[in-house]
Amino acid sequence: MTILTTPAPRIKSSFIEFLDNYPTEGHYEWVNGEIVDMRATRQHDDIADFIADNFKSCIREYSLNFVVKTTALIRTTSLEGKEQGRKPDVSVISRSQWEAERRSYAALTDPIQLAVEVTSTNWDDDYLDKLDEYQRLGIAEYWIVDYLALGSRDFLGKPKQPAVLIFQLDTQQHYQCQLFRERQPIVSKTFPQLTLTAEQILNA
């Protein structure tokens, strides 16, 4: 008698295992059961740092109840219900939410206030997957900083130009988008005190 066997399917580690074995250096996300290296260019990091610094200045000056992090991991779910681990380039989190489990390595599971993604070559991830996941989780405000104008014309128009896109949840928990270019002043519900233009952010 001949017994036919098939190769065992590849077993992907779990999200909990990802957290337990998170690398000590670098930035990674957990996407569709796999670790994804989120290595970025220096220009990308400069823009993210510029935004984070301005958020922190607003928080200090106006005594706002937020903290700003560039390392926070957030648990989301994909449209298919898969558990994902996202790490925004900049996260704005309520102070009470952040301090609730300061000794924990676990990902944040409740919606944060604001997430910023500086778009790189994987622009469709920011514009499609993360946009959907952040909306479903209930993140009140989501910025896409597209300094290379990589996104589709559906978002950037024609001709495509670098832009800052700010998505904010409406009363139906759906994102509504505002697009800012050149010297247009940024309008943020989270930080109405900001006095930045799109140009300052895109050229940081």
N, C-alpha and C. Protein backbone atom coordinates (compact mmCIF):
# COMPACT_ATOMS: atom_id res chain seq x y z
N MET A 1 0.86 -1.18 0.00
CA MET A 1 0.00 0.00 0.00
C MET A 1 0.89 1.23 0.00
N THR A 2 0.55 2.15 -0.85
CA THR A 2 1.32 3.39 -0.94
C THR A 2 0.61 4.49 -0.18
N ILE A 3 1.34 5.17 0.68
CA ILE A 3 0.77 6.29 1.44
C ILE A 3 1.31 7.58 0.85
N LEU A 4 0.42 8.42 0.38
CA LEU A 4 0.81 9.71 -0.19
C LEU A 4 0.77 10.78 0.89
N THR A 5 1.81 11.55 0.97
CA THR A 5 1.85 12.63 1.95
C THR A 5 2.06 13.95 1.24
N THR A 6 1.61 15.01 1.85
CA THR A 6 1.82 16.35 1.31
C THR A 6 2.65 17.13 2.32
N PRO A 7 3.46 18.05 1.83
CA PRO A 7 4.29 18.84 2.76
C PRO A 7 3.41 19.57 3.77
N ALA A 8 3.91 19.67 4.99
CA ALA A 8 3.16 20.40 6.02
C ALA A 8 3.11 21.87 5.66
N PRO A 9 1.98 22.51 5.88
CA PRO A 9 1.88 23.94 5.57
C PRO A 9 2.80 24.74 6.48
N ARG A 10 3.23 25.89 5.98
CA ARG A 10 4.08 26.75 6.78
C ARG A 10 3.27 27.28 7.96
N ILE A 11 3.83 27.16 9.17
CA ILE A 11 3.13 27.64 10.36
C ILE A 11 3.66 29.01 10.72
N LYS A 12 2.78 29.98 10.74
CA LYS A 12 3.18 31.32 11.11
C LYS A 12 3.01 31.51 12.61
N SER A 13 3.95 32.21 13.21
CA SER A 13 3.85 32.44 14.64
C SER A 13 2.69 33.38 14.93
N SER A 14 2.29 33.41 16.18
CA SER A 14 1.13 34.21 16.57
C SER A 14 1.54 35.63 16.91
N PHE A 15 0.55 36.49 17.06
CA PHE A 15 0.80 37.88 17.42
C PHE A 15 1.45 37.97 18.79
N ILE A 16 1.02 37.11 19.72
CA ILE A 16 1.61 37.10 21.06
C ILE A 16 3.08 36.72 20.98
N GLU A 17 3.42 35.75 20.14
CA GLU A 17 4.82 35.36 19.97
C GLU A 17 5.63 36.50 19.36
N PHE A 18 5.03 37.24 18.46
CA PHE A 18 5.68 38.41 17.87
C PHE A 18 6.04 39.42 18.96
N LEU A 19 5.09 39.69 19.86
CA LEU A 19 5.35 40.63 20.95
C LEU A 19 6.44 40.10 21.88
N ASP A 20 6.38 38.81 22.18
CA ASP A 20 7.35 38.22 23.10
C ASP A 20 8.77 38.22 22.54
N ASN A 21 8.87 38.16 21.20
CA ASN A 21 10.19 38.07 20.57
C ASN A 21 10.51 39.28 19.70
N TYR A 22 9.91 40.42 20.05
CA TYR A 22 10.12 41.62 19.23
C TYR A 22 11.60 41.99 19.22
N PRO A 23 12.19 42.23 18.04
CA PRO A 23 13.61 42.56 17.97
C PRO A 23 13.95 43.80 18.79
N THR A 24 15.16 43.82 19.34
CA THR A 24 15.57 44.93 20.20
C THR A 24 15.95 46.17 19.41
N GLU A 25 16.20 46.03 18.12
CA GLU A 25 16.55 47.17 17.28
C GLU A 25 15.66 47.19 16.05
N GLY A 26 15.43 48.41 15.54
CA GLY A 26 14.64 48.56 14.34
C GLY A 26 13.15 48.72 14.62
N HIS A 27 12.39 48.92 13.54
CA HIS A 27 10.95 49.09 13.64
C HIS A 27 10.26 48.03 12.78
N TYR A 28 9.31 47.34 13.39
CA TYR A 28 8.64 46.24 12.69
C TYR A 28 7.15 46.29 12.93
N GLU A 29 6.41 45.75 11.97
CA GLU A 29 4.98 45.57 12.12
C GLU A 29 4.65 44.10 11.94
N TRP A 30 3.45 43.74 12.38
CA TRP A 30 2.95 42.37 12.26
C TRP A 30 1.80 42.41 11.27
N VAL A 31 2.02 41.87 10.07
CA VAL A 31 1.04 41.99 8.98
C VAL A 31 0.77 40.62 8.38
N ASN A 32 -0.48 40.20 8.43
CA ASN A 32 -0.89 38.91 7.85
C ASN A 32 -0.03 37.75 8.37
N GLY A 33 0.28 37.79 9.67
CA GLY A 33 1.00 36.70 10.28
C GLY A 33 2.50 36.70 10.09
N GLU A 34 3.05 37.79 9.57
CA GLU A 34 4.48 37.85 9.34
C GLU A 34 5.07 39.15 9.85
N ILE A 35 6.35 39.12 10.22
CA ILE A 35 7.06 40.31 10.66
C ILE A 35 7.51 41.09 9.43
N VAL A 36 7.19 42.39 9.42
CA VAL A 36 7.54 43.25 8.29
C VAL A 36 8.51 44.33 8.78
N ASP A 37 9.66 44.42 8.14
CA ASP A 37 10.67 45.42 8.48
C ASP A 37 10.21 46.78 7.95
N MET A 38 10.10 47.78 8.87
CA MET A 38 9.62 49.11 8.49
C MET A 38 10.77 50.11 8.38
N ARG A 39 11.89 49.66 7.88
CA ARG A 39 13.06 50.53 7.73
C ARG A 39 12.71 51.74 6.87
N ALA A 40 13.21 52.93 7.27
CA ALA A 40 12.83 54.16 6.59
C ALA A 40 14.06 54.98 6.20
N THR A 41 13.89 55.87 5.23
CA THR A 41 14.98 56.77 4.83
C THR A 41 15.15 57.87 5.89
N ARG A 42 16.25 58.57 5.82
CA ARG A 42 16.49 59.66 6.76
C ARG A 42 15.48 60.79 6.57
N GLN A 43 15.12 61.06 5.31
CA GLN A 43 14.13 62.10 5.07
C GLN A 43 12.79 61.74 5.70
N HIS A 44 12.40 60.50 5.56
CA HIS A 44 11.18 59.99 6.18
C HIS A 44 11.23 60.23 7.69
N ASP A 45 12.34 59.87 8.33
CA ASP A 45 12.48 60.04 9.77
C ASP A 45 12.50 61.51 10.17
N ASP A 46 13.13 62.36 9.35
CA ASP A 46 13.17 63.79 9.65
C ASP A 46 11.76 64.38 9.69
N ILE A 47 10.92 63.98 8.75
CA ILE A 47 9.55 64.48 8.71
C ILE A 47 8.77 64.00 9.92
N ALA A 48 8.90 62.72 10.24
CA ALA A 48 8.20 62.18 11.41
C ALA A 48 8.67 62.87 12.70
N ASP A 49 9.97 63.10 12.83
CA ASP A 49 10.50 63.77 14.02
C ASP A 49 10.00 65.21 14.11
N PHE A 50 9.94 65.90 12.98
CA PHE A 50 9.45 67.28 12.94
C PHE A 50 8.00 67.36 13.43
N ILE A 51 7.18 66.43 12.95
CA ILE A 51 5.78 66.40 13.37
C ILE A 51 5.68 66.10 14.86
N ALA A 52 6.41 65.08 15.32
CA ALA A 52 6.37 64.71 16.74
C ALA A 52 6.81 65.87 17.62
N ASP A 53 7.87 66.58 17.22
CA ASP A 53 8.37 67.71 18.01
C ASP A 53 7.33 68.82 18.12
N ASN A 54 6.62 69.09 17.03
CA ASN A 54 5.59 70.13 17.06
C ASN A 54 4.39 69.71 17.91
N PHE A 55 4.02 68.44 17.84
CA PHE A 55 2.95 67.94 18.71
C PHE A 55 3.34 68.10 20.18
N LYS A 56 4.58 67.73 20.51
CA LYS A 56 5.05 67.83 21.89
C LYS A 56 5.06 69.27 22.37
N SER A 57 5.43 70.19 21.49
CA SER A 57 5.44 71.60 21.86
C SER A 57 4.04 72.09 22.19
N CYS A 58 3.06 71.66 21.38
CA CYS A 58 1.66 72.03 21.65
C CYS A 58 1.19 71.47 23.00
N ILE A 59 1.55 70.23 23.25
CA ILE A 59 1.13 69.58 24.50
C ILE A 59 1.71 70.32 25.70
N ARG A 60 3.00 70.68 25.62
CA ARG A 60 3.62 71.41 26.73
C ARG A 60 3.02 72.80 26.90
N GLU A 61 2.87 73.52 25.80
CA GLU A 61 2.42 74.91 25.88
C GLU A 61 0.98 75.04 26.35
N TYR A 62 0.14 74.09 25.95
CA TYR A 62 -1.28 74.20 26.26
C TYR A 62 -1.75 73.16 27.28
N SER A 63 -0.80 72.47 27.90
CA SER A 63 -1.10 71.48 28.95
C SER A 63 -2.16 70.48 28.51
N LEU A 64 -1.95 69.90 27.33
CA LEU A 64 -2.90 68.93 26.78
C LEU A 64 -2.63 67.55 27.37
N ASN A 65 -3.69 66.76 27.50
CA ASN A 65 -3.60 65.46 28.16
C ASN A 65 -3.23 64.35 27.17
N PHE A 66 -2.10 64.56 26.46
CA PHE A 66 -1.63 63.59 25.47
C PHE A 66 -0.16 63.29 25.70
N VAL A 67 0.28 62.14 25.17
CA VAL A 67 1.70 61.84 25.02
C VAL A 67 1.94 61.51 23.56
N VAL A 68 3.17 61.73 23.11
CA VAL A 68 3.55 61.48 21.72
C VAL A 68 4.62 60.40 21.70
N LYS A 69 4.39 59.36 20.91
CA LYS A 69 5.32 58.23 20.83
C LYS A 69 5.60 57.87 19.36
N THR A 70 6.82 57.40 19.13
CA THR A 70 7.18 56.91 17.80
C THR A 70 7.41 55.39 17.81
N THR A 71 7.17 54.76 18.96
CA THR A 71 7.43 53.32 19.08
C THR A 71 6.18 52.53 19.48
N ALA A 72 5.05 53.19 19.61
CA ALA A 72 3.84 52.51 20.10
C ALA A 72 3.33 51.51 19.07
N LEU A 73 3.02 50.31 19.54
CA LEU A 73 2.45 49.27 18.69
C LEU A 73 0.95 49.17 18.97
N ILE A 74 0.16 49.13 17.91
CA ILE A 74 -1.29 49.14 18.04
C ILE A 74 -1.85 47.88 17.40
N ARG A 75 -2.74 47.20 18.10
CA ARG A 75 -3.37 46.02 17.54
C ARG A 75 -4.60 46.44 16.76
N THR A 76 -4.64 46.05 15.50
CA THR A 76 -5.79 46.32 14.64
C THR A 76 -6.27 45.00 14.04
N THR A 77 -7.32 45.06 13.26
CA THR A 77 -7.77 43.88 12.51
C THR A 77 -7.99 44.28 11.06
N SER A 78 -7.65 43.37 10.17
CA SER A 78 -7.84 43.62 8.75
C SER A 78 -9.31 43.42 8.38
N LEU A 79 -9.63 43.75 7.15
CA LEU A 79 -11.00 43.57 6.66
C LEU A 79 -11.42 42.11 6.74
N GLU A 80 -10.45 41.19 6.63
CA GLU A 80 -10.72 39.75 6.71
C GLU A 80 -10.73 39.24 8.15
N GLY A 81 -10.50 40.13 9.10
CA GLY A 81 -10.53 39.74 10.51
C GLY A 81 -9.19 39.27 11.05
N LYS A 82 -8.10 39.45 10.28
CA LYS A 82 -6.78 39.03 10.75
C LYS A 82 -6.23 40.06 11.73
N GLU A 83 -5.58 39.56 12.78
CA GLU A 83 -4.97 40.42 13.78
C GLU A 83 -3.68 41.01 13.21
N GLN A 84 -3.54 42.33 13.31
CA GLN A 84 -2.38 43.02 12.79
C GLN A 84 -1.72 43.83 13.91
N GLY A 85 -0.43 44.06 13.79
CA GLY A 85 0.29 44.91 14.72
C GLY A 85 0.89 46.08 13.98
N ARG A 86 0.32 47.25 14.14
CA ARG A 86 0.75 48.43 13.40
C ARG A 86 1.56 49.36 14.29
N LYS A 87 2.56 49.99 13.71
CA LYS A 87 3.38 50.95 14.45
C LYS A 87 3.42 52.26 13.66
N PRO A 88 2.50 53.20 13.96
CA PRO A 88 2.51 54.47 13.24
C PRO A 88 3.85 55.19 13.40
N ASP A 89 4.19 56.02 12.44
CA ASP A 89 5.42 56.80 12.54
C ASP A 89 5.35 57.76 13.72
N VAL A 90 4.16 58.29 13.98
CA VAL A 90 3.91 59.12 15.16
C VAL A 90 2.55 58.74 15.72
N SER A 91 2.49 58.53 17.03
CA SER A 91 1.22 58.22 17.70
C SER A 91 0.96 59.26 18.78
N VAL A 92 -0.26 59.76 18.81
CA VAL A 92 -0.70 60.67 19.88
C VAL A 92 -1.72 59.89 20.70
N ILE A 93 -1.42 59.72 21.99
CA ILE A 93 -2.19 58.83 22.86
C ILE A 93 -2.60 59.61 24.10
N SER A 94 -3.81 59.38 24.58
CA SER A 94 -4.21 60.04 25.82
C SER A 94 -3.29 59.58 26.95
N ARG A 95 -2.95 60.51 27.82
CA ARG A 95 -2.00 60.20 28.89
C ARG A 95 -2.51 59.07 29.78
N SER A 96 -3.81 59.10 30.07
CA SER A 96 -4.37 58.06 30.94
C SER A 96 -4.31 56.70 30.27
N GLN A 97 -4.53 56.64 28.96
CA GLN A 97 -4.44 55.37 28.24
C GLN A 97 -3.01 54.84 28.27
N TRP A 98 -2.04 55.71 28.06
CA TRP A 98 -0.64 55.29 28.03
C TRP A 98 -0.17 54.82 29.41
N GLU A 99 -0.59 55.54 30.46
CA GLU A 99 -0.10 55.23 31.80
C GLU A 99 -0.84 54.08 32.46
N ALA A 100 -1.91 53.58 31.83
CA ALA A 100 -2.71 52.51 32.44
C ALA A 100 -1.87 51.24 32.62
N GLU A 101 -0.97 50.93 31.66
CA GLU A 101 -0.16 49.72 31.75
C GLU A 101 1.26 50.02 31.30
N ARG A 102 1.92 50.87 32.03
CA ARG A 102 3.25 51.33 31.62
C ARG A 102 4.29 50.22 31.64
N ARG A 103 4.08 49.19 32.45
CA ARG A 103 5.05 48.10 32.55
C ARG A 103 4.79 46.99 31.53
N SER A 104 3.76 47.16 30.71
CA SER A 104 3.36 46.11 29.79
C SER A 104 4.08 46.23 28.45
N TYR A 105 4.40 45.08 27.86
CA TYR A 105 4.94 45.04 26.50
C TYR A 105 3.82 44.90 25.46
N ALA A 106 2.61 44.70 25.94
CA ALA A 106 1.49 44.42 25.03
C ALA A 106 1.18 45.61 24.13
N ALA A 107 0.58 45.32 22.99
CA ALA A 107 0.16 46.37 22.08
C ALA A 107 -1.07 47.08 22.63
N LEU A 108 -1.24 48.33 22.23
CA LEU A 108 -2.44 49.06 22.59
C LEU A 108 -3.62 48.48 21.81
N THR A 109 -4.72 48.26 22.51
CA THR A 109 -5.89 47.67 21.86
C THR A 109 -7.04 48.65 21.71
N ASP A 110 -7.04 49.72 22.50
CA ASP A 110 -8.07 50.75 22.35
C ASP A 110 -7.59 51.80 21.35
N PRO A 111 -8.51 52.51 20.72
CA PRO A 111 -8.08 53.50 19.72
C PRO A 111 -7.28 54.63 20.35
N ILE A 112 -6.19 55.02 19.70
CA ILE A 112 -5.44 56.19 20.12
C ILE A 112 -6.11 57.43 19.52
N GLN A 113 -5.59 58.60 19.85
CA GLN A 113 -6.22 59.83 19.37
C GLN A 113 -5.84 60.14 17.93
N LEU A 114 -4.55 59.97 17.60
CA LEU A 114 -4.08 60.39 16.28
C LEU A 114 -2.92 59.50 15.85
N ALA A 115 -2.92 59.11 14.59
CA ALA A 115 -1.82 58.33 14.01
C ALA A 115 -1.31 59.06 12.77
N VAL A 116 0.01 59.07 12.61
CA VAL A 116 0.64 59.68 11.44
C VAL A 116 1.45 58.61 10.71
N GLU A 117 1.25 58.52 9.41
CA GLU A 117 2.08 57.66 8.56
C GLU A 117 2.74 58.53 7.50
N VAL A 118 4.07 58.48 7.46
CA VAL A 118 4.83 59.17 6.41
C VAL A 118 5.03 58.15 5.29
N THR A 119 4.47 58.44 4.14
CA THR A 119 4.38 57.44 3.08
C THR A 119 5.73 57.17 2.42
N SER A 120 6.01 55.87 2.26
CA SER A 120 7.21 55.42 1.55
C SER A 120 6.76 54.59 0.35
N THR A 121 7.61 53.69 -0.09
CA THR A 121 7.31 52.94 -1.31
C THR A 121 6.07 52.05 -1.16
N ASN A 122 5.74 51.68 0.08
CA ASN A 122 4.54 50.86 0.29
C ASN A 122 3.33 51.76 0.53
N TRP A 123 3.15 52.74 -0.35
CA TRP A 123 2.12 53.76 -0.16
C TRP A 123 0.72 53.16 -0.08
N ASP A 124 0.46 52.08 -0.81
CA ASP A 124 -0.88 51.50 -0.82
C ASP A 124 -1.27 50.96 0.55
N ASP A 125 -0.27 50.57 1.36
CA ASP A 125 -0.55 50.11 2.72
C ASP A 125 -1.12 51.25 3.56
N ASP A 126 -0.52 52.44 3.43
CA ASP A 126 -1.00 53.60 4.19
C ASP A 126 -2.37 54.07 3.72
N TYR A 127 -2.57 54.09 2.40
CA TYR A 127 -3.79 54.64 1.82
C TYR A 127 -4.97 53.66 1.87
N LEU A 128 -4.69 52.38 1.90
CA LEU A 128 -5.76 51.38 1.82
C LEU A 128 -5.89 50.59 3.12
N ASP A 129 -4.89 49.76 3.42
CA ASP A 129 -5.01 48.85 4.56
C ASP A 129 -5.07 49.59 5.89
N LYS A 130 -4.10 50.46 6.14
CA LYS A 130 -4.08 51.18 7.42
C LYS A 130 -5.25 52.13 7.54
N LEU A 131 -5.61 52.77 6.44
CA LEU A 131 -6.78 53.66 6.47
C LEU A 131 -8.02 52.89 6.93
N ASP A 132 -8.21 51.70 6.39
CA ASP A 132 -9.36 50.88 6.77
C ASP A 132 -9.25 50.40 8.21
N GLU A 133 -8.06 49.94 8.60
CA GLU A 133 -7.88 49.40 9.96
C GLU A 133 -8.02 50.49 11.02
N TYR A 134 -7.45 51.65 10.77
CA TYR A 134 -7.53 52.74 11.75
C TYR A 134 -8.96 53.26 11.88
N GLN A 135 -9.67 53.31 10.76
CA GLN A 135 -11.07 53.72 10.82
C GLN A 135 -11.89 52.72 11.61
N ARG A 136 -11.68 51.42 11.35
CA ARG A 136 -12.44 50.39 12.04
C ARG A 136 -12.14 50.39 13.54
N LEU A 137 -10.88 50.64 13.90
CA LEU A 137 -10.52 50.68 15.31
C LEU A 137 -11.12 51.89 16.01
N GLY A 138 -11.27 52.99 15.24
CA GLY A 138 -11.86 54.20 15.82
C GLY A 138 -10.84 55.27 16.18
N ILE A 139 -9.69 55.28 15.49
CA ILE A 139 -8.70 56.34 15.70
C ILE A 139 -9.28 57.64 15.14
N ALA A 140 -9.39 58.64 16.00
CA ALA A 140 -10.15 59.85 15.65
C ALA A 140 -9.55 60.62 14.50
N GLU A 141 -8.22 60.63 14.39
CA GLU A 141 -7.56 61.44 13.37
C GLU A 141 -6.36 60.67 12.81
N TYR A 142 -6.24 60.68 11.48
CA TYR A 142 -5.19 59.93 10.80
C TYR A 142 -4.57 60.81 9.73
N TRP A 143 -3.25 61.02 9.83
CA TRP A 143 -2.53 61.82 8.86
C TRP A 143 -1.73 60.90 7.93
N ILE A 144 -1.80 61.19 6.63
CA ILE A 144 -0.88 60.61 5.65
C ILE A 144 -0.04 61.75 5.10
N VAL A 145 1.27 61.65 5.29
CA VAL A 145 2.19 62.67 4.79
C VAL A 145 2.89 62.09 3.57
N ASP A 146 2.44 62.51 2.40
CA ASP A 146 2.93 61.94 1.14
C ASP A 146 3.89 62.93 0.50
N TYR A 147 5.14 62.95 0.99
CA TYR A 147 6.11 63.96 0.54
C TYR A 147 6.68 63.64 -0.83
N LEU A 148 6.47 62.43 -1.33
CA LEU A 148 6.95 62.05 -2.66
C LEU A 148 5.81 61.93 -3.68
N ALA A 149 4.59 62.25 -3.25
CA ALA A 149 3.42 62.14 -4.14
C ALA A 149 3.31 60.75 -4.76
N LEU A 150 3.38 59.73 -3.90
CA LEU A 150 3.34 58.35 -4.37
C LEU A 150 1.93 57.80 -4.49
N GLY A 151 0.98 58.38 -3.77
CA GLY A 151 -0.39 57.87 -3.77
C GLY A 151 -1.07 58.00 -5.11
N SER A 152 -2.22 57.38 -5.22
CA SER A 152 -2.95 57.40 -6.50
C SER A 152 -3.62 58.76 -6.73
N ARG A 153 -4.01 58.99 -7.99
CA ARG A 153 -4.69 60.24 -8.33
C ARG A 153 -6.05 60.35 -7.65
N ASP A 154 -6.61 59.21 -7.25
CA ASP A 154 -7.89 59.25 -6.53
C ASP A 154 -7.76 60.06 -5.25
N PHE A 155 -6.58 60.05 -4.65
CA PHE A 155 -6.35 60.81 -3.43
C PHE A 155 -5.67 62.14 -3.69
N LEU A 156 -4.68 62.16 -4.61
CA LEU A 156 -3.84 63.34 -4.79
C LEU A 156 -4.27 64.23 -5.94
N GLY A 157 -5.20 63.78 -6.77
CA GLY A 157 -5.63 64.58 -7.91
C GLY A 157 -4.64 64.50 -9.06
N LYS A 158 -4.89 65.28 -10.08
CA LYS A 158 -4.07 65.28 -11.28
C LYS A 158 -3.72 66.73 -11.65
N PRO A 159 -2.45 67.07 -11.79
CA PRO A 159 -1.27 66.22 -11.59
C PRO A 159 -1.04 65.95 -10.09
N LYS A 160 -0.37 64.85 -9.82
CA LYS A 160 -0.09 64.50 -8.42
C LYS A 160 0.97 65.44 -7.86
N GLN A 161 0.73 65.89 -6.62
CA GLN A 161 1.68 66.75 -5.93
C GLN A 161 1.81 66.29 -4.49
N PRO A 162 2.97 66.52 -3.86
CA PRO A 162 3.10 66.18 -2.44
C PRO A 162 2.00 66.84 -1.63
N ALA A 163 1.54 66.14 -0.61
CA ALA A 163 0.41 66.66 0.18
C ALA A 163 0.38 66.01 1.55
N VAL A 164 -0.31 66.68 2.45
CA VAL A 164 -0.66 66.12 3.75
C VAL A 164 -2.16 65.88 3.73
N LEU A 165 -2.57 64.64 3.95
CA LEU A 165 -3.99 64.29 3.97
C LEU A 165 -4.38 64.00 5.42
N ILE A 166 -5.43 64.65 5.89
CA ILE A 166 -5.89 64.44 7.26
C ILE A 166 -7.31 63.87 7.22
N PHE A 167 -7.44 62.68 7.79
CA PHE A 167 -8.72 61.98 7.86
C PHE A 167 -9.26 62.10 9.28
N GLN A 168 -10.53 62.48 9.40
CA GLN A 168 -11.14 62.61 10.72
C GLN A 168 -12.47 61.88 10.73
N LEU A 169 -12.75 61.20 11.84
CA LEU A 169 -14.00 60.45 11.95
C LEU A 169 -15.18 61.39 12.04
N ASP A 170 -16.24 61.07 11.27
CA ASP A 170 -17.48 61.84 11.39
C ASP A 170 -18.41 61.16 12.39
N THR A 171 -19.62 61.63 12.49
CA THR A 171 -20.56 61.08 13.47
C THR A 171 -20.94 59.64 13.16
N GLN A 172 -20.74 59.20 11.93
CA GLN A 172 -21.02 57.82 11.54
C GLN A 172 -19.79 56.93 11.64
N GLN A 173 -18.72 57.47 12.23
CA GLN A 173 -17.45 56.73 12.39
C GLN A 173 -16.81 56.38 11.05
N HIS A 174 -16.98 57.28 10.08
CA HIS A 174 -16.31 57.15 8.78
C HIS A 174 -15.33 58.30 8.61
N TYR A 175 -14.21 58.04 7.97
CA TYR A 175 -13.22 59.08 7.76
C TYR A 175 -13.66 60.06 6.67
N GLN A 176 -13.49 61.34 6.96
CA GLN A 176 -13.64 62.41 5.98
C GLN A 176 -12.26 63.03 5.79
N CYS A 177 -11.88 63.26 4.53
CA CYS A 177 -10.51 63.66 4.22
C CYS A 177 -10.41 65.13 3.83
N GLN A 178 -9.37 65.79 4.35
CA GLN A 178 -8.97 67.11 3.89
C GLN A 178 -7.54 67.03 3.38
N LEU A 179 -7.28 67.68 2.24
CA LEU A 179 -5.96 67.63 1.61
C LEU A 179 -5.32 69.01 1.71
N PHE A 180 -4.03 69.03 2.11
CA PHE A 180 -3.31 70.28 2.30
C PHE A 180 -2.03 70.26 1.48
N ARG A 181 -1.80 71.35 0.74
CA ARG A 181 -0.61 71.47 -0.09
C ARG A 181 0.05 72.83 0.12
N GLU A 182 1.32 72.88 -0.23
CA GLU A 182 2.08 74.12 -0.29
C GLU A 182 1.90 74.94 0.99
N ARG A 183 1.44 76.18 0.89
CA ARG A 183 1.37 77.06 2.06
C ARG A 183 0.03 77.02 2.78
N GLN A 184 -0.77 76.02 2.46
CA GLN A 184 -2.04 75.90 3.16
C GLN A 184 -1.80 75.53 4.62
N PRO A 185 -2.45 76.23 5.56
CA PRO A 185 -2.28 75.90 6.98
C PRO A 185 -2.97 74.58 7.33
N ILE A 186 -2.30 73.78 8.11
CA ILE A 186 -2.84 72.50 8.56
C ILE A 186 -3.99 72.74 9.54
N VAL A 187 -5.06 71.98 9.39
CA VAL A 187 -6.21 72.07 10.29
C VAL A 187 -6.39 70.72 10.97
N SER A 188 -6.18 70.71 12.29
CA SER A 188 -6.27 69.48 13.07
C SER A 188 -7.22 69.69 14.23
N LYS A 189 -8.17 68.78 14.41
CA LYS A 189 -9.08 68.86 15.55
C LYS A 189 -8.35 68.52 16.85
N THR A 190 -7.37 67.64 16.75
CA THR A 190 -6.61 67.27 17.94
C THR A 190 -5.71 68.41 18.41
N PHE A 191 -5.09 69.09 17.44
CA PHE A 191 -4.19 70.20 17.75
C PHE A 191 -4.61 71.46 16.99
N PRO A 192 -5.71 72.09 17.40
CA PRO A 192 -6.13 73.32 16.71
C PRO A 192 -5.14 74.46 16.89
N GLN A 193 -4.21 74.31 17.83
CA GLN A 193 -3.23 75.36 18.09
C GLN A 193 -2.06 75.33 17.11
N LEU A 194 -1.94 74.29 16.31
CA LEU A 194 -0.82 74.17 15.38
C LEU A 194 -0.80 75.34 14.40
N THR A 195 0.39 75.84 14.12
CA THR A 195 0.53 76.93 13.15
C THR A 195 1.48 76.51 12.02
N LEU A 196 1.32 75.28 11.55
CA LEU A 196 2.15 74.74 10.50
C LEU A 196 1.45 74.79 9.15
N THR A 197 2.24 74.91 8.10
CA THR A 197 1.72 74.75 6.75
C THR A 197 2.11 73.37 6.23
N ALA A 198 1.43 72.95 5.16
CA ALA A 198 1.79 71.68 4.54
C ALA A 198 3.23 71.72 4.06
N GLU A 199 3.65 72.84 3.50
CA GLU A 199 4.99 73.00 2.97
C GLU A 199 6.06 72.79 4.06
N GLN A 200 5.82 73.31 5.25
CA GLN A 200 6.78 73.13 6.34
C GLN A 200 6.94 71.66 6.71
N ILE A 201 5.86 70.94 6.70
CA ILE A 201 5.92 69.51 7.04
C ILE A 201 6.59 68.73 5.92
N LEU A 202 6.17 68.96 4.69
CA LEU A 202 6.68 68.18 3.57
C LEU A 202 8.15 68.41 3.31
N ASN A 203 8.66 69.59 3.68
CA ASN A 203 10.06 69.93 3.45
C ASN A 203 10.91 69.84 4.71
N ALA A 204 10.38 69.24 5.74
CA ALA A 204 11.11 69.16 7.01
C ALA A 204 12.44 68.44 6.84
